Amino acid sequence: MSVQAKDLSAEDVIRVVGDHPDAATGVARWDIEGAFSAGFPPRVVNAKLVRLVRQGYLDGCAHSRGFQGCDGGFTVTPKGKARTEVCDGE
């Protein structure tokens, strides 16, 4: 069976973005993809990023990969931070 974006935890992606050294200025798409490279192909990670931006958990450029050399610049929104805090039981 192939891996799908629904198999990738939203909380895990939000944490990767929030814990990255560039979290305040924007995390590059390839850094996020690299964090999940062992189990998820880039297209699956990108699909999850698109969904998280659409849902308001992340800010960033989630259009097609490689468009105009954009790296994404993903940051966690207050809504995304709240989602991970609830999951962590804080």
N, C-alpha and C. Protein backbone atom coordinates (compact mmCIF):
# COMPACT_ATOMS: atom_id res chain seq x y z
N MET A 1 0.85 -1.19 0.00
CA MET A 1 0.00 0.00 0.00
C MET A 1 0.89 1.24 0.00
N SER A 2 0.54 2.24 -0.74
CA SER A 2 1.33 3.46 -0.80
C SER A 2 1.01 4.37 0.40
N VAL A 3 1.98 5.19 0.74
CA VAL A 3 1.84 6.11 1.86
C VAL A 3 1.09 7.35 1.38
N GLN A 4 0.19 7.86 2.21
CA GLN A 4 -0.60 9.04 1.88
C GLN A 4 -0.38 10.12 2.94
N ALA A 5 -0.78 11.35 2.61
CA ALA A 5 -0.63 12.46 3.54
C ALA A 5 -1.38 12.22 4.85
N LYS A 6 -2.49 11.51 4.80
CA LYS A 6 -3.26 11.24 6.02
C LYS A 6 -2.48 10.35 6.98
N ASP A 7 -1.47 9.65 6.48
CA ASP A 7 -0.64 8.80 7.32
C ASP A 7 0.41 9.59 8.10
N LEU A 8 0.62 10.82 7.74
CA LEU A 8 1.60 11.70 8.38
C LEU A 8 0.88 12.57 9.40
N SER A 9 1.29 12.48 10.64
CA SER A 9 0.64 13.21 11.72
C SER A 9 0.81 14.73 11.57
N ALA A 10 -0.30 15.44 11.64
CA ALA A 10 -0.25 16.91 11.58
C ALA A 10 0.59 17.45 12.73
N GLU A 11 0.44 16.88 13.91
CA GLU A 11 1.19 17.34 15.08
C GLU A 11 2.69 17.17 14.87
N ASP A 12 3.10 16.06 14.25
CA ASP A 12 4.53 15.84 13.99
C ASP A 12 5.08 16.90 13.05
N VAL A 13 4.32 17.22 12.01
CA VAL A 13 4.78 18.23 11.06
C VAL A 13 4.86 19.60 11.74
N ILE A 14 3.85 19.94 12.50
CA ILE A 14 3.84 21.23 13.21
C ILE A 14 5.03 21.32 14.16
N ARG A 15 5.32 20.23 14.87
CA ARG A 15 6.46 20.22 15.80
C ARG A 15 7.79 20.38 15.06
N VAL A 16 7.94 19.71 13.91
CA VAL A 16 9.18 19.85 13.13
C VAL A 16 9.39 21.31 12.74
N VAL A 17 8.33 21.96 12.29
CA VAL A 17 8.44 23.38 11.91
C VAL A 17 8.74 24.23 13.14
N GLY A 18 8.00 24.02 14.21
CA GLY A 18 8.16 24.83 15.41
C GLY A 18 9.48 24.65 16.12
N ASP A 19 10.08 23.47 16.03
CA ASP A 19 11.35 23.18 16.71
C ASP A 19 12.57 23.47 15.86
N HIS A 20 12.38 23.81 14.61
CA HIS A 20 13.50 24.07 13.70
C HIS A 20 14.18 25.39 14.07
N PRO A 21 15.51 25.49 13.90
CA PRO A 21 16.22 26.74 14.20
C PRO A 21 15.70 27.96 13.44
N ASP A 22 15.11 27.75 12.28
CA ASP A 22 14.58 28.85 11.47
C ASP A 22 13.08 29.07 11.71
N ALA A 23 12.55 28.55 12.79
CA ALA A 23 11.10 28.60 13.05
C ALA A 23 10.55 30.02 13.03
N ALA A 24 11.30 30.98 13.52
CA ALA A 24 10.80 32.35 13.60
C ALA A 24 10.77 33.05 12.23
N THR A 25 11.67 32.65 11.34
CA THR A 25 11.77 33.33 10.05
C THR A 25 11.19 32.53 8.89
N GLY A 26 10.98 31.25 9.09
CA GLY A 26 10.40 30.41 8.04
C GLY A 26 11.29 29.23 7.71
N VAL A 27 10.73 28.05 7.80
CA VAL A 27 11.46 26.81 7.55
C VAL A 27 11.28 26.40 6.09
N ALA A 28 12.39 26.05 5.46
CA ALA A 28 12.35 25.65 4.05
C ALA A 28 11.65 24.30 3.89
N ARG A 29 10.95 24.17 2.80
CA ARG A 29 10.22 22.94 2.47
C ARG A 29 11.15 21.73 2.52
N TRP A 30 12.35 21.84 1.97
CA TRP A 30 13.25 20.69 1.91
C TRP A 30 13.75 20.28 3.29
N ASP A 31 13.79 21.20 4.25
CA ASP A 31 14.14 20.83 5.63
C ASP A 31 13.03 19.99 6.26
N ILE A 32 11.80 20.34 5.97
CA ILE A 32 10.66 19.59 6.50
C ILE A 32 10.60 18.22 5.83
N GLU A 33 10.78 18.20 4.52
CA GLU A 33 10.79 16.93 3.79
C GLU A 33 11.90 16.02 4.31
N GLY A 34 13.06 16.61 4.61
CA GLY A 34 14.20 15.84 5.11
C GLY A 34 13.93 15.18 6.45
N ALA A 35 13.13 15.84 7.28
CA ALA A 35 12.80 15.29 8.60
C ALA A 35 11.95 14.03 8.48
N PHE A 36 11.28 13.86 7.37
CA PHE A 36 10.39 12.70 7.18
C PHE A 36 10.85 11.80 6.04
N SER A 37 12.08 11.98 5.57
CA SER A 37 12.54 11.26 4.38
C SER A 37 12.60 9.75 4.55
N ALA A 38 12.70 9.27 5.79
CA ALA A 38 12.78 7.83 6.01
C ALA A 38 11.47 7.10 5.68
N GLY A 39 10.33 7.79 5.84
CA GLY A 39 9.07 7.08 5.64
C GLY A 39 8.10 7.72 4.68
N PHE A 40 8.38 8.97 4.27
CA PHE A 40 7.42 9.69 3.44
C PHE A 40 8.12 10.38 2.27
N PRO A 41 7.68 10.11 1.05
CA PRO A 41 8.26 10.81 -0.09
C PRO A 41 7.90 12.30 -0.07
N PRO A 42 8.71 13.14 -0.73
CA PRO A 42 8.46 14.59 -0.73
C PRO A 42 7.05 14.97 -1.16
N ARG A 43 6.47 14.27 -2.12
CA ARG A 43 5.12 14.62 -2.59
C ARG A 43 4.08 14.46 -1.48
N VAL A 44 4.28 13.48 -0.61
CA VAL A 44 3.35 13.24 0.49
C VAL A 44 3.51 14.33 1.55
N VAL A 45 4.75 14.67 1.88
CA VAL A 45 5.00 15.74 2.85
C VAL A 45 4.44 17.05 2.32
N ASN A 46 4.64 17.33 1.04
CA ASN A 46 4.11 18.56 0.46
C ASN A 46 2.58 18.59 0.52
N ALA A 47 1.94 17.47 0.26
CA ALA A 47 0.47 17.42 0.35
C ALA A 47 0.01 17.74 1.76
N LYS A 48 0.74 17.24 2.77
CA LYS A 48 0.38 17.54 4.15
C LYS A 48 0.61 19.02 4.45
N LEU A 49 1.68 19.61 3.93
CA LEU A 49 1.93 21.05 4.13
C LEU A 49 0.81 21.88 3.52
N VAL A 50 0.37 21.52 2.33
CA VAL A 50 -0.73 22.23 1.67
C VAL A 50 -1.97 22.20 2.56
N ARG A 51 -2.29 21.03 3.09
CA ARG A 51 -3.47 20.89 3.95
C ARG A 51 -3.33 21.70 5.24
N LEU A 52 -2.16 21.68 5.87
CA LEU A 52 -1.97 22.41 7.12
C LEU A 52 -2.02 23.93 6.92
N VAL A 53 -1.54 24.41 5.79
CA VAL A 53 -1.66 25.84 5.48
C VAL A 53 -3.13 26.18 5.25
N ARG A 54 -3.83 25.37 4.48
CA ARG A 54 -5.25 25.60 4.20
C ARG A 54 -6.08 25.60 5.49
N GLN A 55 -5.73 24.74 6.43
CA GLN A 55 -6.46 24.64 7.70
C GLN A 55 -6.05 25.71 8.71
N GLY A 56 -4.99 26.45 8.41
CA GLY A 56 -4.58 27.54 9.29
C GLY A 56 -3.61 27.16 10.39
N TYR A 57 -3.01 25.97 10.32
CA TYR A 57 -2.05 25.55 11.34
C TYR A 57 -0.63 26.03 11.02
N LEU A 58 -0.36 26.24 9.74
CA LEU A 58 0.94 26.75 9.30
C LEU A 58 0.71 27.92 8.36
N ASP A 59 1.69 28.83 8.33
CA ASP A 59 1.75 29.86 7.30
C ASP A 59 2.91 29.49 6.40
N GLY A 60 2.81 29.83 5.14
CA GLY A 60 3.90 29.57 4.22
C GLY A 60 3.37 29.41 2.82
N CYS A 61 4.28 29.22 1.92
CA CYS A 61 3.95 29.09 0.51
C CYS A 61 3.82 27.61 0.18
N ALA A 62 2.61 27.14 0.05
CA ALA A 62 2.36 25.72 -0.17
C ALA A 62 1.94 25.40 -1.60
N HIS A 63 2.35 26.23 -2.55
CA HIS A 63 2.01 25.91 -3.93
C HIS A 63 2.94 24.81 -4.44
N SER A 64 2.82 24.46 -5.67
CA SER A 64 3.59 23.35 -6.24
C SER A 64 5.07 23.47 -5.94
N ARG A 65 5.66 22.32 -5.66
CA ARG A 65 7.09 22.26 -5.35
C ARG A 65 7.92 22.85 -6.48
N GLY A 66 8.91 23.63 -6.09
CA GLY A 66 9.86 24.14 -7.06
C GLY A 66 9.39 25.33 -7.88
N PHE A 67 8.21 25.82 -7.64
CA PHE A 67 7.68 26.94 -8.41
C PHE A 67 8.47 28.20 -8.11
N GLN A 68 9.07 28.79 -9.11
CA GLN A 68 9.81 30.04 -8.99
C GLN A 68 10.90 29.97 -7.92
N GLY A 69 11.38 28.78 -7.58
CA GLY A 69 12.45 28.65 -6.61
C GLY A 69 12.02 28.91 -5.17
N CYS A 70 10.73 28.93 -4.91
CA CYS A 70 10.22 29.19 -3.57
C CYS A 70 10.59 28.05 -2.63
N ASP A 71 11.02 28.39 -1.42
CA ASP A 71 11.37 27.34 -0.46
C ASP A 71 10.27 27.09 0.56
N GLY A 72 9.19 27.84 0.51
CA GLY A 72 8.06 27.63 1.41
C GLY A 72 7.98 28.62 2.54
N GLY A 73 9.07 28.76 3.32
CA GLY A 73 9.09 29.69 4.44
C GLY A 73 7.99 29.42 5.45
N PHE A 74 7.86 28.18 5.92
CA PHE A 74 6.76 27.78 6.79
C PHE A 74 7.00 28.19 8.24
N THR A 75 5.95 28.73 8.86
CA THR A 75 5.96 29.06 10.28
C THR A 75 4.68 28.51 10.92
N VAL A 76 4.73 28.29 12.23
CA VAL A 76 3.57 27.79 12.96
C VAL A 76 2.69 28.97 13.36
N THR A 77 1.42 28.86 13.11
CA THR A 77 0.46 29.89 13.51
C THR A 77 0.05 29.67 14.97
N PRO A 78 -0.60 30.66 15.59
CA PRO A 78 -1.12 30.45 16.94
C PRO A 78 -2.07 29.24 17.01
N LYS A 79 -2.85 29.03 15.96
CA LYS A 79 -3.75 27.87 15.92
C LYS A 79 -2.94 26.56 15.92
N GLY A 80 -1.83 26.53 15.18
CA GLY A 80 -0.96 25.36 15.15
C GLY A 80 -0.29 25.11 16.48
N LYS A 81 0.16 26.18 17.12
CA LYS A 81 0.77 26.05 18.44
C LYS A 81 -0.23 25.50 19.45
N ALA A 82 -1.45 25.99 19.39
CA ALA A 82 -2.49 25.51 20.30
C ALA A 82 -2.77 24.02 20.06
N ARG A 83 -2.76 23.59 18.81
CA ARG A 83 -3.03 22.18 18.51
C ARG A 83 -1.97 21.28 19.12
N THR A 84 -0.71 21.66 19.03
CA THR A 84 0.34 20.82 19.60
C THR A 84 0.33 20.87 21.12
N GLU A 85 -0.04 22.00 21.70
CA GLU A 85 -0.11 22.09 23.17
C GLU A 85 -1.22 21.20 23.71
N VAL A 86 -2.34 21.15 23.03
CA VAL A 86 -3.44 20.28 23.45
C VAL A 86 -3.01 18.82 23.36
N CYS A 87 -2.31 18.47 22.29
CA CYS A 87 -1.86 17.09 22.11
C CYS A 87 -0.80 16.71 23.14
N ASP A 88 0.00 17.68 23.57
CA ASP A 88 1.03 17.41 24.57
C ASP A 88 0.46 17.43 25.99
N GLY A 89 -0.78 17.85 26.14
CA GLY A 89 -1.41 17.90 27.45
C GLY A 89 -1.01 19.08 28.30
N GLU A 90 -0.52 20.14 27.65
CA GLU A 90 -0.10 21.34 28.39
C GLU A 90 -1.29 22.21 28.74
